[in-house]
Protein backbone atom coordinates (compact mmCIF):
# COMPACT_ATOMS: atom_id res chain seq x y z
CA UNK A 1 -83.07 -29.95 12.90
CA UNK A 2 -80.33 -32.04 13.71
CA UNK A 3 -77.93 -30.27 11.59
CA UNK A 4 -78.90 -26.63 13.19
CA UNK A 5 -78.36 -28.39 16.54
CA UNK A 6 -74.83 -29.51 15.22
CA UNK A 7 -74.21 -26.27 14.17
CA UNK A 8 -74.88 -24.76 17.07
CA UNK A 9 -72.95 -26.89 19.09
CA UNK A 10 -69.83 -26.96 16.99
CA UNK A 11 -69.95 -22.97 17.28
CA UNK A 12 -70.35 -22.66 20.73
CA UNK A 13 -67.15 -25.17 21.27
CA UNK A 14 -64.61 -23.05 18.91
CA UNK A 15 -66.20 -19.73 20.65
CA UNK A 16 -65.28 -21.59 24.13
CA UNK A 17 -61.86 -22.51 22.83
CA UNK A 18 -60.93 -19.13 21.45
CA UNK A 19 -61.41 -17.55 25.44
CA UNK A 20 -59.31 -20.32 26.58
CA UNK A 21 -55.95 -18.97 25.34
CA UNK A 22 -54.31 -15.86 26.87
CA UNK A 23 -54.35 -12.56 24.27
CA UNK A 24 -51.09 -11.94 22.58
CA UNK A 25 -50.87 -8.37 23.55
CA UNK A 26 -51.04 -9.53 27.26
CA UNK A 27 -47.72 -10.88 27.41
CA UNK A 28 -44.15 -9.84 26.00
CA UNK A 29 -41.01 -11.96 26.23
CA UNK A 30 -37.55 -10.51 25.65
CA UNK A 31 -33.74 -11.89 25.97
CA UNK A 32 -32.28 -10.06 28.77
CA UNK A 33 -28.68 -11.82 28.75
CA UNK A 34 -26.85 -14.76 27.45
CA UNK A 35 -23.86 -15.99 28.86
CA UNK A 36 -21.67 -19.39 27.66
CA UNK A 37 -21.57 -22.02 30.63
CA UNK A 38 -20.04 -25.00 28.85
CA UNK A 39 -18.86 -26.14 25.79
CA UNK A 40 -18.16 -29.51 23.89
CA UNK A 41 -17.05 -30.43 20.53
CA UNK A 42 -20.91 -31.38 19.21
CA UNK A 43 -22.92 -28.74 21.49
CA UNK A 44 -22.83 -25.54 23.75
CA UNK A 45 -24.56 -24.70 26.76
CA UNK A 46 -25.68 -20.85 27.60
CA UNK A 47 -27.63 -19.66 30.48
CA UNK A 48 -29.89 -17.29 29.35
CA UNK A 49 -32.42 -15.01 31.22
CA UNK A 50 -35.71 -14.31 29.86
CA UNK A 51 -37.84 -11.27 30.66
CA UNK A 52 -41.47 -11.89 30.94
CA UNK A 53 -43.75 -8.97 31.19
CA UNK A 54 -47.36 -9.35 32.30
CA UNK A 55 -49.50 -6.67 30.67
CA UNK A 56 -52.61 -7.91 31.84
CA UNK A 57 -54.88 -7.19 34.80
CA UNK A 58 -54.65 -10.71 36.42
CA UNK A 59 -51.77 -13.01 37.63
CA UNK A 60 -50.08 -15.15 35.09
CA UNK A 61 -49.22 -18.24 36.65
CA UNK A 62 -46.55 -20.16 34.41
CA UNK A 63 -45.62 -23.54 34.70
CA UNK A 64 -42.97 -23.62 32.35
CA UNK A 65 -41.77 -22.63 28.69
CA UNK A 66 -40.09 -23.64 25.49
CA UNK A 67 -38.30 -21.58 22.62
CA UNK A 68 -36.23 -21.33 20.02
CA UNK A 69 -33.50 -18.42 19.37
CA UNK A 70 -32.40 -17.82 15.69
CA UNK A 71 -29.73 -15.44 15.21
CA UNK A 72 -29.22 -13.81 11.87
CA UNK A 73 -32.15 -15.90 10.28
CA UNK A 74 -30.45 -19.26 10.94
CA UNK A 75 -31.47 -21.88 13.66
CA UNK A 76 -28.91 -21.18 17.05
CA UNK A 77 -30.39 -22.65 19.92
CA UNK A 78 -33.54 -23.89 21.89
CA UNK A 79 -34.50 -24.44 25.33
CA UNK A 80 -37.17 -25.82 27.74
CA UNK A 81 -37.93 -25.05 31.26
CA UNK A 82 -40.38 -26.52 34.00
CA UNK A 83 -39.84 -24.06 36.45
CA UNK A 84 -42.84 -22.26 37.95
CA UNK A 85 -43.44 -18.54 38.30
CA UNK A 86 -46.48 -16.35 39.16
CA UNK A 87 -46.09 -12.81 37.76
CA UNK A 88 -48.14 -10.72 39.43
CA UNK A 89 -50.91 -8.18 37.06
CA UNK A 90 -48.61 -5.29 35.08
CA UNK A 91 -45.34 -6.39 36.43
CA UNK A 92 -42.34 -8.36 35.16
CA UNK A 93 -40.02 -11.48 36.21
CA UNK A 94 -36.70 -12.97 35.05
CA UNK A 95 -36.74 -16.46 34.13
CA UNK A 96 -33.34 -18.02 34.30
CA UNK A 97 -32.94 -20.93 31.50
CA UNK A 98 -30.25 -23.23 29.99
CA UNK A 99 -30.46 -23.47 26.29
CA UNK A 100 -28.63 -26.16 24.08
CA UNK A 101 -26.97 -24.86 20.53
CA UNK A 102 -25.34 -27.80 18.39
CA UNK A 103 -22.06 -27.64 16.59
CA UNK A 104 -23.69 -26.83 13.38
CA UNK A 105 -25.66 -23.94 14.57
CA UNK A 106 -22.40 -22.71 16.09
CA UNK A 107 -21.05 -23.18 12.78
CA UNK A 108 -23.82 -21.05 10.69
CA UNK A 109 -22.84 -17.93 13.07
CA UNK A 110 -19.38 -18.24 12.11
CA UNK A 111 -20.34 -18.20 8.52
CA UNK A 112 -22.61 -15.00 9.05
CA UNK A 113 -20.14 -13.43 11.46
CA UNK A 114 -18.44 -11.76 8.62
CA UNK A 115 -21.25 -9.26 8.25
CA UNK A 116 -21.51 -8.33 11.59
CA UNK A 117 -19.29 -5.05 10.87
CA UNK A 118 -21.77 -3.65 8.16
CA UNK A 119 -24.90 -5.21 9.18
CA UNK A 120 -27.17 -5.11 12.20
CA UNK A 121 -27.07 -8.55 14.04
CA UNK A 122 -30.64 -10.01 13.98
CA UNK A 123 -32.17 -12.42 16.69
CA UNK A 124 -35.71 -13.85 16.78
CA UNK A 125 -36.96 -15.85 20.08
CA UNK A 126 -39.90 -17.72 19.61
CA UNK A 127 -41.77 -20.21 21.58
CA UNK A 128 -44.84 -21.14 24.07
CA UNK A 129 -45.16 -19.88 27.78
CA UNK A 130 -47.02 -22.92 29.26
CA UNK A 131 -49.70 -21.45 31.91
CA UNK A 132 -51.56 -23.64 34.80
CA UNK A 133 -54.77 -22.02 34.31
CA UNK A 134 -55.06 -22.17 30.27
CA UNK A 135 -55.52 -25.37 28.38
CA UNK A 136 -53.78 -23.97 25.67
CA UNK A 137 -49.91 -22.21 26.11
CA UNK A 138 -49.25 -18.64 25.05
CA UNK A 139 -47.43 -18.26 22.09
CA UNK A 140 -44.64 -15.52 21.92
CA UNK A 141 -42.52 -14.06 19.08
CA UNK A 142 -39.94 -11.27 20.15
CA UNK A 143 -37.84 -10.01 17.04
CA UNK A 144 -34.75 -7.67 17.20
CA UNK A 145 -31.64 -6.10 15.76
CA UNK A 146 -28.39 -5.08 17.46
CA UNK A 147 -25.95 -2.90 15.69
CA UNK A 148 -22.43 -4.04 16.84
CA UNK A 149 -20.65 -1.40 14.67
CA UNK A 150 -19.89 0.81 17.45
CA UNK A 151 -19.69 -1.84 20.39
CA UNK A 152 -16.95 -3.69 18.09
CA UNK A 153 -14.87 0.03 17.70
CA UNK A 154 -15.10 0.72 21.25
CA UNK A 155 -14.20 -2.48 22.46
CA UNK A 156 -11.06 -2.35 20.27
CA UNK A 157 -9.70 0.83 21.05
CA UNK A 158 -10.21 0.39 24.77
């Protein structure tokens, strides 16, 4: 009897925890823009705008985020923000965040830049949105490719 009660208690705890996290398809996070703001010998700082889409029927109360940016399969930069933001249902907002890359992250990118004229440039933005009304944060991961072949040819001829 004690085992049955323990099992029921454990299962109800697990089902309660499953409802605390937001569903992954209710949020979409994209890298909107990135601009270098400061550079020293050992690190570089970038201003990044991250677009957060709330695809749910209820407001999303964000108290901060933490994330990593990978370029061409190599770790490049990371960032955190404690800026609060409320995103209304079925809407989106931009979060301005400063990120930091180290000298080693920049060197890894220079080594892979030779491929940019023949291969697409890939990126991955992954991290956690920390929400006020949820015990656990909302994980996100967004991957994409940018083909710079046309961009570099146009820029060179202008």
